[in-house]
Amino acid sequence: MSTDQISATESAFAELASLRERHGPLMLFQSGGCCDGSSPLCLHEGELLVGPNDLLLGEIGGTPFYIDLDQYERWNRPTFQIDLLPGASDTLSLEGPDGVHFVSRTPTCAAR
């Protein structure tokens, strides 16, 4: 499922499907600047405890996508497109061993 706030490229969908086959249920959490900047983290579902201030923005291929509500508001409620790029990130995100990393793209951050 994609919503108006969250979507993904075909390569991101494919990587999530592959990860789900190997690891079971997943979750994505939009990082706010720790570790590898503001990359979305892909984790085992429940690995990161979701709190009352975490917003479920939508799902990507059955994988829930969360963001801190205050961060979402500070960023002016952006829409996100999740993409996949070559090269492992510095995070503990599950896609790293595959030599790729997820990135978030937003219209407000797009190159002009």
PDB file of N, CA and C in Angstrom:
ATOM      1  N   MET A   1       0.842  -1.178   0.000  1.00  0.00           N
ATOM      2  CA  MET A   1       0.000   0.000   0.000  1.00  0.00           C
ATOM      3  C   MET A   1       0.884   1.237   0.000  1.00  0.00           C
ATOM      4  N   SER A   2       0.525   2.201  -0.775  1.00  0.00           N
ATOM      5  CA  SER A   2       1.149   3.516  -0.725  1.00  0.00           C
ATOM      6  C   SER A   2       0.054   4.510  -0.376  1.00  0.00           C
ATOM      7  N   THR A   3       0.426   5.560   0.298  1.00  0.00           N
ATOM      8  CA  THR A   3      -0.529   6.611   0.620  1.00  0.00           C
ATOM      9  C   THR A   3      -0.045   7.885  -0.032  1.00  0.00           C
ATOM     10  N   ASP A   4      -0.783   8.959   0.160  1.00  0.00           N
ATOM     11  CA  ASP A   4      -0.340  10.243  -0.370  1.00  0.00           C
ATOM     12  C   ASP A   4       0.936  10.716   0.308  1.00  0.00           C
ATOM     13  N   GLN A   5       1.218  10.227   1.521  1.00  0.00           N
ATOM     14  CA  GLN A   5       2.394  10.665   2.268  1.00  0.00           C
ATOM     15  C   GLN A   5       3.623   9.792   2.032  1.00  0.00           C
ATOM     16  N   ILE A   6       3.438   8.542   1.591  1.00  0.00           N
ATOM     17  CA  ILE A   6       4.555   7.619   1.465  1.00  0.00           C
ATOM     18  C   ILE A   6       4.391   6.755   0.214  1.00  0.00           C
ATOM     19  N   SER A   7       5.487   6.589  -0.522  1.00  0.00           N
ATOM     20  CA  SER A   7       5.511   5.696  -1.685  1.00  0.00           C
ATOM     21  C   SER A   7       6.915   5.119  -1.778  1.00  0.00           C
ATOM     22  N   ALA A   8       7.119   4.231  -2.736  1.00  0.00           N
ATOM     23  CA  ALA A   8       8.437   3.616  -2.887  1.00  0.00           C
ATOM     24  C   ALA A   8       8.682   3.280  -4.347  1.00  0.00           C
ATOM     25  N   THR A   9       9.953   3.227  -4.691  1.00  0.00           N
ATOM     26  CA  THR A   9      10.354   2.812  -6.037  1.00  0.00           C
ATOM     27  C   THR A   9      10.262   1.288  -6.126  1.00  0.00           C
ATOM     28  N   GLU A  10      10.288   0.780  -7.341  1.00  0.00           N
ATOM     29  CA  GLU A  10      10.250  -0.669  -7.545  1.00  0.00           C
ATOM     30  C   GLU A  10      11.435  -1.358  -6.868  1.00  0.00           C
ATOM     31  N   SER A  11      12.612  -0.732  -6.927  1.00  0.00           N
ATOM     32  CA  SER A  11      13.782  -1.362  -6.301  1.00  0.00           C
ATOM     33  C   SER A  11      13.635  -1.422  -4.782  1.00  0.00           C
ATOM     34  N   ALA A  12      13.032  -0.411  -4.184  1.00  0.00           N
ATOM     35  CA  ALA A  12      12.792  -0.437  -2.737  1.00  0.00           C
ATOM     36  C   ALA A  12      11.772  -1.512  -2.381  1.00  0.00           C
ATOM     37  N   PHE A  13      10.686  -1.620  -3.176  1.00  0.00           N
ATOM     38  CA  PHE A  13       9.699  -2.688  -2.956  1.00  0.00           C
ATOM     39  C   PHE A  13      10.367  -4.059  -3.026  1.00  0.00           C
ATOM     40  N   ALA A  14      11.215  -4.263  -4.041  1.00  0.00           N
ATOM     41  CA  ALA A  14      11.872  -5.555  -4.229  1.00  0.00           C
ATOM     42  C   ALA A  14      12.797  -5.884  -3.065  1.00  0.00           C
ATOM     43  N   GLU A  15      13.554  -4.907  -2.592  1.00  0.00           N
ATOM     44  CA  GLU A  15      14.458  -5.149  -1.456  1.00  0.00           C
ATOM     45  C   GLU A  15      13.659  -5.469  -0.202  1.00  0.00           C
ATOM     46  N   LEU A  16      12.568  -4.756   0.034  1.00  0.00           N
ATOM     47  CA  LEU A  16      11.731  -5.046   1.203  1.00  0.00           C
ATOM     48  C   LEU A  16      11.170  -6.469   1.125  1.00  0.00           C
ATOM     49  N   ALA A  17      10.742  -6.898  -0.055  1.00  0.00           N
ATOM     50  CA  ALA A  17      10.222  -8.256  -0.217  1.00  0.00           C
ATOM     51  C   ALA A  17      11.305  -9.283   0.082  1.00  0.00           C
ATOM     52  N   SER A  18      12.505  -9.043  -0.410  1.00  0.00           N
ATOM     53  CA  SER A  18      13.621  -9.955  -0.163  1.00  0.00           C
ATOM     54  C   SER A  18      13.962 -10.010   1.329  1.00  0.00           C
ATOM     55  N   LEU A  19      14.004  -8.862   1.966  1.00  0.00           N
ATOM     56  CA  LEU A  19      14.300  -8.809   3.395  1.00  0.00           C
ATOM     57  C   LEU A  19      13.218  -9.495   4.216  1.00  0.00           C
ATOM     58  N   ARG A  20      11.967  -9.311   3.825  1.00  0.00           N
ATOM     59  CA  ARG A  20      10.847  -9.928   4.535  1.00  0.00           C
ATOM     60  C   ARG A  20      10.918 -11.459   4.430  1.00  0.00           C
ATOM     61  N   GLU A  21      11.338 -11.972   3.260  1.00  0.00           N
ATOM     62  CA  GLU A  21      11.508 -13.420   3.088  1.00  0.00           C
ATOM     63  C   GLU A  21      12.540 -13.980   4.051  1.00  0.00           C
ATOM     64  N   ARG A  22      13.615 -13.238   4.243  1.00  0.00           N
ATOM     65  CA  ARG A  22      14.721 -13.707   5.084  1.00  0.00           C
ATOM     66  C   ARG A  22      14.518 -13.438   6.568  1.00  0.00           C
ATOM     67  N   HIS A  23      13.851 -12.315   6.894  1.00  0.00           N
ATOM     68  CA  HIS A  23      13.796 -11.862   8.286  1.00  0.00           C
ATOM     69  C   HIS A  23      12.409 -11.869   8.904  1.00  0.00           C
ATOM     70  N   GLY A  24      11.387 -12.082   8.105  1.00  0.00           N
ATOM     71  CA  GLY A  24      10.028 -12.018   8.640  1.00  0.00           C
ATOM     72  C   GLY A  24       9.505 -10.590   8.607  1.00  0.00           C
ATOM     73  N   PRO A  25       8.495 -10.306   9.435  1.00  0.00           N
ATOM     74  CA  PRO A  25       7.881  -8.965   9.431  1.00  0.00           C
ATOM     75  C   PRO A  25       8.902  -7.865   9.739  1.00  0.00           C
ATOM     76  N   LEU A  26       8.750  -6.749   9.016  1.00  0.00           N
ATOM     77  CA  LEU A  26       9.675  -5.622   9.118  1.00  0.00           C
ATOM     78  C   LEU A  26       8.943  -4.352   9.527  1.00  0.00           C
ATOM     79  N   MET A  27       9.735  -3.347   9.842  1.00  0.00           N
ATOM     80  CA  MET A  27       9.222  -1.999  10.034  1.00  0.00           C
ATOM     81  C   MET A  27      10.261  -1.017   9.508  1.00  0.00           C
ATOM     82  N   LEU A  28       9.808   0.137   9.054  1.00  0.00           N
ATOM     83  CA  LEU A  28      10.699   1.227   8.643  1.00  0.00           C
ATOM     84  C   LEU A  28      10.483   2.385   9.589  1.00  0.00           C
ATOM     85  N   PHE A  29      11.578   3.012   9.984  1.00  0.00           N
ATOM     86  CA  PHE A  29      11.483   4.193  10.839  1.00  0.00           C
ATOM     87  C   PHE A  29      12.362   5.279  10.240  1.00  0.00           C
ATOM     88  N   GLN A  30      11.772   6.437   9.994  1.00  0.00           N
ATOM     89  CA  GLN A  30      12.519   7.557   9.428  1.00  0.00           C
ATOM     90  C   GLN A  30      13.415   8.157  10.497  1.00  0.00           C
ATOM     91  N   SER A  31      14.713   7.995  10.314  1.00  0.00           N
ATOM     92  CA  SER A  31      15.684   8.512  11.265  1.00  0.00           C
ATOM     93  C   SER A  31      15.714  10.035  11.205  1.00  0.00           C
ATOM     94  N   GLY A  32      16.049  10.629  12.327  1.00  0.00           N
ATOM     95  CA  GLY A  32      16.083  12.083  12.407  1.00  0.00           C
ATOM     96  C   GLY A  32      17.473  12.666  12.456  1.00  0.00           C
ATOM     97  N   GLY A  33      18.487  11.912  12.068  1.00  0.00           N
ATOM     98  CA  GLY A  33      19.818  12.494  12.022  1.00  0.00           C
ATOM     99  C   GLY A  33      20.878  11.684  12.723  1.00  0.00           C
ATOM    100  N   CYS A  34      20.527  10.632  13.411  1.00  0.00           N
ATOM    101  CA  CYS A  34      21.516   9.777  14.070  1.00  0.00           C
ATOM    102  C   CYS A  34      22.204   8.902  13.029  1.00  0.00           C
ATOM    103  N   CYS A  35      23.360   8.432  13.331  1.00  0.00           N
ATOM    104  CA  CYS A  35      24.105   7.467  12.511  1.00  0.00           C
ATOM    105  C   CYS A  35      24.312   7.973  11.086  1.00  0.00           C
ATOM    106  N   ASP A  36      23.514   7.491  10.161  1.00  0.00           N
ATOM    107  CA  ASP A  36      23.739   7.795   8.752  1.00  0.00           C
ATOM    108  C   ASP A  36      22.861   8.962   8.291  1.00  0.00           C
ATOM    109  N   GLY A  37      22.702   9.960   9.123  1.00  0.00           N
ATOM    110  CA  GLY A  37      21.906  11.119   8.732  1.00  0.00           C
ATOM    111  C   GLY A  37      20.431  10.864   8.912  1.00  0.00           C
ATOM    112  N   SER A  38      19.676  11.119   7.883  1.00  0.00           N
ATOM    113  CA  SER A  38      18.227  10.977   7.993  1.00  0.00           C
ATOM    114  C   SER A  38      17.713   9.871   7.074  1.00  0.00           C
ATOM    115  N   SER A  39      18.414   8.753   7.045  1.00  0.00           N
ATOM    116  CA  SER A  39      17.994   7.606   6.246  1.00  0.00           C
ATOM    117  C   SER A  39      16.919   6.824   6.985  1.00  0.00           C
ATOM    118  N   PRO A  40      16.000   6.209   6.241  1.00  0.00           N
ATOM    119  CA  PRO A  40      15.036   5.343   6.906  1.00  0.00           C
ATOM    120  C   PRO A  40      15.728   4.061   7.367  1.00  0.00           C
ATOM    121  N   LEU A  41      15.401   3.617   8.559  1.00  0.00           N
ATOM    122  CA  LEU A  41      15.971   2.394   9.108  1.00  0.00           C
ATOM    123  C   LEU A  41      14.995   1.252   8.885  1.00  0.00           C
ATOM    124  N   CYS A  42      15.482   0.135   8.381  1.00  0.00           N
ATOM    125  CA  CYS A  42      14.681  -1.066   8.209  1.00  0.00           C
ATOM    126  C   CYS A  42      15.063  -2.026   9.327  1.00  0.00           C
ATOM    127  N   LEU A  43      14.078  -2.395  10.139  1.00  0.00           N
ATOM    128  CA  LEU A  43      14.316  -3.209  11.325  1.00  0.00           C
ATOM    129  C   LEU A  43      13.324  -4.361  11.369  1.00  0.00           C
ATOM    130  N   HIS A  44      13.624  -5.351  12.218  1.00  0.00           N
ATOM    131  CA  HIS A  44      12.636  -6.389  12.490  1.00  0.00           C
ATOM    132  C   HIS A  44      11.443  -5.712  13.161  1.00  0.00           C
ATOM    133  N   GLU A  45      10.242  -6.127  12.780  1.00  0.00           N
ATOM    134  CA  GLU A  45       9.055  -5.538  13.394  1.00  0.00           C
ATOM    135  C   GLU A  45       9.134  -5.686  14.912  1.00  0.00           C
ATOM    136  N   GLY A  46       8.941  -4.581  15.629  1.00  0.00           N
ATOM    137  CA  GLY A  46       8.997  -4.578  17.077  1.00  0.00           C
ATOM    138  C   GLY A  46      10.381  -4.359  17.650  1.00  0.00           C
ATOM    139  N   GLU A  47      11.420  -4.339  16.811  1.00  0.00           N
ATOM    140  CA  GLU A  47      12.788  -4.129  17.311  1.00  0.00           C
ATOM    141  C   GLU A  47      12.940  -2.742  17.921  1.00  0.00           C
ATOM    142  N   LEU A  48      12.257  -1.780  17.352  1.00  0.00           N
ATOM    143  CA  LEU A  48      12.228  -0.428  17.896  1.00  0.00           C
ATOM    144  C   LEU A  48      10.843  -0.226  18.495  1.00  0.00           C
ATOM    145  N   LEU A  49      10.807   0.068  19.762  1.00  0.00           N
ATOM    146  CA  LEU A  49       9.510   0.271  20.408  1.00  0.00           C
ATOM    147  C   LEU A  49       8.898   1.573  19.918  1.00  0.00           C
ATOM    148  N   VAL A  50       7.696   1.478  19.403  1.00  0.00           N
ATOM    149  CA  VAL A  50       6.980   2.643  18.902  1.00  0.00           C
ATOM    150  C   VAL A  50       6.263   3.285  20.080  1.00  0.00           C
ATOM    151  N   GLY A  51       6.454   4.602  20.224  1.00  0.00           N
ATOM    152  CA  GLY A  51       5.851   5.320  21.332  1.00  0.00           C
ATOM    153  C   GLY A  51       4.656   6.144  20.897  1.00  0.00           C
ATOM    154  N   PRO A  52       4.035   6.812  21.851  1.00  0.00           N
ATOM    155  CA  PRO A  52       2.837   7.605  21.551  1.00  0.00           C
ATOM    156  C   PRO A  52       3.121   8.798  20.645  1.00  0.00           C
ATOM    157  N   ASN A  53       4.376   9.195  20.511  1.00  0.00           N
ATOM    158  CA  ASN A  53       4.707  10.329  19.653  1.00  0.00           C
ATOM    159  C   ASN A  53       5.243   9.883  18.289  1.00  0.00           C
ATOM    160  N   ASP A  54       5.146   8.584  17.996  1.00  0.00           N
ATOM    161  CA  ASP A  54       5.557   8.073  16.690  1.00  0.00           C
ATOM    162  C   ASP A  54       4.329   7.932  15.806  1.00  0.00           C
ATOM    163  N   LEU A  55       4.426   8.466  14.606  1.00  0.00           N
ATOM    164  CA  LEU A  55       3.323   8.498  13.662  1.00  0.00           C
ATOM    165  C   LEU A  55       3.483   7.394  12.630  1.00  0.00           C
ATOM    166  N   LEU A  56       2.448   6.563  12.469  1.00  0.00           N
ATOM    167  CA  LEU A  56       2.420   5.591  11.381  1.00  0.00           C
ATOM    168  C   LEU A  56       1.966   6.352  10.144  1.00  0.00           C
ATOM    169  N   LEU A  57       2.908   6.616   9.252  1.00  0.00           N
ATOM    170  CA  LEU A  57       2.611   7.433   8.076  1.00  0.00           C
ATOM    171  C   LEU A  57       1.947   6.617   6.972  1.00  0.00           C
ATOM    172  N   GLY A  58       2.180   5.326   6.948  1.00  0.00           N
ATOM    173  CA  GLY A  58       1.595   4.455   5.936  1.00  0.00           C
ATOM    174  C   GLY A  58       2.359   3.150   5.889  1.00  0.00           C
ATOM    175  N   GLU A  59       2.122   2.383   4.842  1.00  0.00           N
ATOM    176  CA  GLU A  59       2.815   1.117   4.649  1.00  0.00           C
ATOM    177  C   GLU A  59       3.376   1.049   3.236  1.00  0.00           C
ATOM    178  N   ILE A  60       4.490   0.342   3.126  1.00  0.00           N
ATOM    179  CA  ILE A  60       5.105   0.091   1.826  1.00  0.00           C
ATOM    180  C   ILE A  60       5.168  -1.418   1.665  1.00  0.00           C
ATOM    181  N   GLY A  61       4.341  -1.941   0.802  1.00  0.00           N
ATOM    182  CA  GLY A  61       4.319  -3.385   0.587  1.00  0.00           C
ATOM    183  C   GLY A  61       4.081  -4.169   1.858  1.00  0.00           C
ATOM    184  N   GLY A  62       3.242  -3.675   2.739  1.00  0.00           N
ATOM    185  CA  GLY A  62       2.947  -4.350   3.994  1.00  0.00           C
ATOM    186  C   GLY A  62       3.905  -4.024   5.121  1.00  0.00           C
ATOM    187  N   THR A  63       4.892  -3.182   4.873  1.00  0.00           N
ATOM    188  CA  THR A  63       5.857  -2.783   5.897  1.00  0.00           C
ATOM    189  C   THR A  63       5.470  -1.409   6.436  1.00  0.00           C
ATOM    190  N   PRO A  64       5.138  -1.311   7.729  1.00  0.00           N
ATOM    191  CA  PRO A  64       4.755  -0.012   8.279  1.00  0.00           C
ATOM    192  C   PRO A  64       5.923   0.972   8.286  1.00  0.00           C
ATOM    193  N   PHE A  65       5.615   2.243   8.033  1.00  0.00           N
ATOM    194  CA  PHE A  65       6.612   3.319   7.987  1.00  0.00           C
ATOM    195  C   PHE A  65       6.249   4.337   9.060  1.00  0.00           C
ATOM    196  N   TYR A  66       7.152   4.510  10.029  1.00  0.00           N
ATOM    197  CA  TYR A  66       6.932   5.419  11.151  1.00  0.00           C
ATOM    198  C   TYR A  66       7.884   6.604  11.086  1.00  0.00           C
ATOM    199  N   ILE A  67       7.444   7.692  11.688  1.00  0.00           N
ATOM    200  CA  ILE A  67       8.280   8.877  11.866  1.00  0.00           C
ATOM    201  C   ILE A  67       7.860   9.542  13.166  1.00  0.00           C
ATOM    202  N   ASP A  68       8.795  10.151  13.853  1.00  0.00           N
ATOM    203  CA  ASP A  68       8.483  10.910  15.056  1.00  0.00           C
ATOM    204  C   ASP A  68       7.563  12.063  14.669  1.00  0.00           C
ATOM    205  N   LEU A  69       6.452  12.222  15.377  1.00  0.00           N
ATOM    206  CA  LEU A  69       5.457  13.233  15.033  1.00  0.00           C
ATOM    207  C   LEU A  69       6.036  14.642  15.070  1.00  0.00           C
ATOM    208  N   ASP A  70       6.826  14.956  16.096  1.00  0.00           N
ATOM    209  CA  ASP A  70       7.427  16.295  16.178  1.00  0.00           C
ATOM    210  C   ASP A  70       8.350  16.553  14.996  1.00  0.00           C
ATOM    211  N   GLN A  71       9.133  15.545  14.613  1.00  0.00           N
ATOM    212  CA  GLN A  71      10.024  15.672  13.462  1.00  0.00           C
ATOM    213  C   GLN A  71       9.210  15.899  12.191  1.00  0.00           C
ATOM    214  N   TYR A  72       8.146  15.146  12.031  1.00  0.00           N
ATOM    215  CA  TYR A  72       7.272  15.280  10.859  1.00  0.00           C
ATOM    216  C   TYR A  72       6.709  16.693  10.766  1.00  0.00           C
ATOM    217  N   GLU A  73       6.318  17.238  11.893  1.00  0.00           N
ATOM    218  CA  GLU A  73       5.799  18.614  11.915  1.00  0.00           C
ATOM    219  C   GLU A  73       6.907  19.632  11.617  1.00  0.00           C
ATOM    220  N   ARG A  74       8.090  19.431  12.213  1.00  0.00           N
ATOM    221  CA  ARG A  74       9.221  20.354  11.963  1.00  0.00           C
ATOM    222  C   ARG A  74       9.605  20.352  10.489  1.00  0.00           C
ATOM    223  N   TRP A  75       9.479  19.213   9.839  1.00  0.00           N
ATOM    224  CA  TRP A  75       9.820  19.095   8.426  1.00  0.00           C
ATOM    225  C   TRP A  75       8.655  19.504   7.531  1.00  0.00           C
ATOM    226  N   ASN A  76       7.636  20.103   8.119  1.00  0.00           N
ATOM    227  CA  ASN A  76       6.457  20.615   7.392  1.00  0.00           C
ATOM    228  C   ASN A  76       5.671  19.530   6.677  1.00  0.00           C
ATOM    229  N   ARG A  77       5.485  18.403   7.353  1.00  0.00           N
ATOM    230  CA  ARG A  77       4.645  17.302   6.858  1.00  0.00           C
ATOM    231  C   ARG A  77       4.998  16.869   5.429  1.00  0.00           C
ATOM    232  N   PRO A  78       6.225  16.470   5.199  1.00  0.00           N
ATOM    233  CA  PRO A  78       6.610  16.110   3.828  1.00  0.00           C
ATOM    234  C   PRO A  78       5.995  14.794   3.378  1.00  0.00           C
ATOM    235  N   THR A  79       5.966  14.611   2.076  1.00  0.00           N
ATOM    236  CA  THR A  79       5.685  13.301   1.505  1.00  0.00           C
ATOM    237  C   THR A  79       7.040  12.635   1.280  1.00  0.00           C
ATOM    238  N   PHE A  80       7.073  11.328   1.345  1.00  0.00           N
ATOM    239  CA  PHE A  80       8.313  10.589   1.187  1.00  0.00           C
ATOM    240  C   PHE A  80       8.195   9.578   0.061  1.00  0.00           C
ATOM    241  N   GLN A  81       9.256   9.449  -0.707  1.00  0.00           N
ATOM    242  CA  GLN A  81       9.411   8.324  -1.619  1.00  0.00           C
ATOM    243  C   GLN A  81      10.656   7.580  -1.153  1.00  0.00           C
ATOM    244  N   ILE A  82      10.488   6.315  -0.829  1.00  0.00           N
ATOM    245  CA  ILE A  82      11.617   5.499  -0.391  1.00  0.00           C
ATOM    246  C   ILE A  82      12.254   4.877  -1.625  1.00  0.00           C
ATOM    247  N   ASP A  83      13.572   5.027  -1.704  1.00  0.00           N
ATOM    248  CA  ASP A  83      14.336   4.518  -2.833  1.00  0.00           C
ATOM    249  C   ASP A  83      15.481   3.671  -2.293  1.00  0.00           C
ATOM    250  N   LEU A  84      16.204   3.032  -3.185  1.00  0.00           N
ATOM    251  CA  LEU A  84      17.315   2.168  -2.821  1.00  0.00           C
ATOM    252  C   LEU A  84      18.532   2.589  -3.631  1.00  0.00           C
ATOM    253  N   LEU A  85      19.659   2.755  -2.955  1.00  0.00           N
ATOM    254  CA  LEU A  85      20.904   3.142  -3.617  1.00  0.00           C
ATOM    255  C   LEU A  85      22.000   2.130  -3.303  1.00  0.00           C
ATOM    256  N   PRO A  86      22.994   2.014  -4.180  1.00  0.00           N
ATOM    257  CA  PRO A  86      24.105   1.094  -3.917  1.00  0.00           C
ATOM    258  C   PRO A  86      24.974   1.599  -2.770  1.00  0.00           C
ATOM    259  N   GLY A  87      25.614   0.663  -2.101  1.00  0.00           N
ATOM    260  CA  GLY A  87      26.517   0.990  -1.004  1.00  0.00           C
ATOM    261  C   GLY A  87      25.830   0.832   0.334  1.00  0.00           C
ATOM    262  N   ALA A  88      26.447   0.099   1.225  1.00  0.00           N
ATOM    263  CA  ALA A  88      25.888  -0.088   2.562  1.00  0.00           C
ATOM    264  C   ALA A  88      25.975   1.212   3.348  1.00  0.00           C
ATOM    265  N   SER A  89      25.041   1.406   4.249  1.00  0.00           N
ATOM    266  CA  SER A  89      25.053   2.606   5.092  1.00  0.00           C
ATOM    267  C   SER A  89      25.819   2.319   6.380  1.00  0.00           C
ATOM    268  N   ASP A  90      25.913   3.320   7.233  1.00  0.00           N
ATOM    269  CA  ASP A  90      26.579   3.165   8.520  1.00  0.00           C
ATOM    270  C   ASP A  90      25.605   2.780   9.627  1.00  0.00           C
ATOM    271  N   THR A  91      24.367   2.477   9.278  1.00  0.00           N
ATOM    272  CA  THR A  91      23.361   2.158  10.280  1.00  0.00           C
ATOM    273  C   THR A  91      23.260   0.657  10.492  1.00  0.00           C
ATOM    274  N   LEU A  92      22.410   0.274  11.404  1.00  0.00           N
ATOM    275  CA  LEU A  92      22.149  -1.134  11.666  1.00  0.00           C
ATOM    276  C   LEU A  92      20.948  -1.619  10.865  1.00  0.00           C
ATOM    277  N   SER A  93      20.602  -0.907   9.813  1.00  0.00           N
ATOM    278  CA  SER A  93      19.467  -1.242   8.979  1.00  0.00           C
ATOM    279  C   SER A  93      19.704  -2.573   8.271  1.00  0.00           C
ATOM    280  N   LEU A  94      18.660  -3.385   8.138  1.00  0.00           N
ATOM    281  CA  LEU A  94      18.790  -4.751   7.642  1.00  0.00           C
ATOM    282  C   LEU A  94      19.300  -4.883   6.212  1.00  0.00           C
ATOM    283  N   GLU A  95      19.147  -3.854   5.384  1.00  0.00           N
ATOM    284  CA  GLU A  95      19.565  -3.976   3.982  1.00  0.00           C
ATOM    285  C   GLU A  95      21.071  -3.818   3.792  1.00  0.00           C
ATOM    286  N   GLY A  96      21.787  -3.346   4.778  1.00  0.00           N
ATOM    287  CA  GLY A  96      23.224  -3.085   4.670  1.00  0.00           C
ATOM    288  C   GLY A  96      24.045  -4.251   4.149  1.00  0.00           C
ATOM    289  N   PRO A  97      23.862  -5.476   4.676  1.00  0.00           N
ATOM    290  CA  PRO A  97      24.646  -6.609   4.174  1.00  0.00           C
ATOM    291  C   PRO A  97      24.417  -6.916   2.689  1.00  0.00           C
ATOM    292  N   ASP A  98      23.330  -6.403   2.125  1.00  0.00           N
ATOM    293  CA  ASP A  98      23.076  -6.594   0.693  1.00  0.00           C
ATOM    294  C   ASP A  98      23.837  -5.574  -0.156  1.00  0.00           C
ATOM    295  N   GLY A  99      24.602  -4.684   0.502  1.00  0.00           N
ATOM    296  CA  GLY A  99      25.386  -3.692  -0.227  1.00  0.00           C
ATOM    297  C   GLY A  99      24.563  -2.536  -0.770  1.00  0.00           C
ATOM    298  N   VAL A 100      23.422  -2.280  -0.139  1.00  0.00           N
ATOM    299  CA  VAL A 100      22.529  -1.195  -0.552  1.00  0.00           C
ATOM    300  C   VAL A 100      22.025  -0.475   0.694  1.00  0.00           C
ATOM    301  N   HIS A 101      21.394   0.673   0.474  1.00  0.00           N
ATOM    302  CA  HIS A 101      20.762   1.378   1.590  1.00  0.00           C
ATOM    303  C   HIS A 101      19.529   2.126   1.097  1.00  0.00           C
ATOM    304  N   PHE A 102      18.542   2.209   1.987  1.00  0.00           N
ATOM    305  CA  PHE A 102      17.332   2.963   1.681  1.00  0.00           C
ATOM    306  C   PHE A 102      17.590   4.453   1.857  1.00  0.00           C
ATOM    307  N   VAL A 103      16.963   5.252   1.048  1.00  0.00           N
ATOM    308  CA  VAL A 103      16.990   6.705   1.173  1.00  0.00           C
ATOM    309  C   VAL A 103      15.572   7.232   1.070  1.00  0.00           C
ATOM    310  N   SER A 104      15.344   8.369   1.714  1.00  0.00           N
ATOM    311  CA  SER A 104      14.056   9.063   1.619  1.00  0.00           C
ATOM    312  C   SER A 104      14.215  10.254   0.690  1.00  0.00           C
ATOM    313  N   ARG A 105      13.298  10.353  -0.226  1.00  0.00           N
ATOM    314  CA  ARG A 105      13.281  11.513  -1.112  1.00  0.00           C
ATOM    315  C   ARG A 105      11.995  12.280  -0.832  1.00  0.00           C
ATOM    316  N   THR A 106      12.093  13.600  -0.858  1.00  0.00           N
ATOM    317  CA  THR A 106      10.908  14.434  -0.686  1.00  0.00           C
ATOM    318  C   THR A 106      10.940  15.530  -1.736  1.00  0.00           C
ATOM    319  N   PRO A 107       9.771  15.981  -2.194  1.00  0.00           N
ATOM    320  CA  PRO A 107       9.758  17.068  -3.188  1.00  0.00           C
ATOM    321  C   PRO A 107      10.452  18.326  -2.676  1.00  0.00           C
ATOM    322  N   THR A 108      10.353  18.603  -1.380  1.00  0.00           N
ATOM    323  CA  THR A 108      10.966  19.816  -0.841  1.00  0.00           C
ATOM    324  C   THR A 108      12.489  19.726  -0.798  1.00  0.00           C
ATOM    325  N   CYS A 109      13.037  18.510  -0.838  1.00  0.00           N
ATOM    326  CA  CYS A 109      14.489  18.339  -0.810  1.00  0.00           C
ATOM    327  C   CYS A 109      15.066  17.986  -2.175  1.00  0.00           C
ATOM    328  N   ALA A 110      14.225  17.908  -3.173  1.00  0.00           N
ATOM    329  CA  ALA A 110      14.702  17.528  -4.511  1.00  0.00           C
ATOM    330  C   ALA A 110      15.617  18.608  -5.089  1.00  0.00           C
ATOM    331  N   ALA A 111      16.602  18.166  -5.836  1.00  0.00           N
ATOM    332  CA  ALA A 111      17.496  19.126  -6.495  1.00  0.00           C
ATOM    333  C   ALA A 111      16.710  19.938  -7.516  1.00  0.00           C
ATOM    334  N   ARG A 112      17.040  21.188  -7.609  1.00  0.00           N
ATOM    335  CA  ARG A 112      16.338  22.074  -8.541  1.00  0.00           C
ATOM    336  C   ARG A 112      17.183  22.299  -9.765  1.00  0.00           C
TER     337      ARG A 112
END
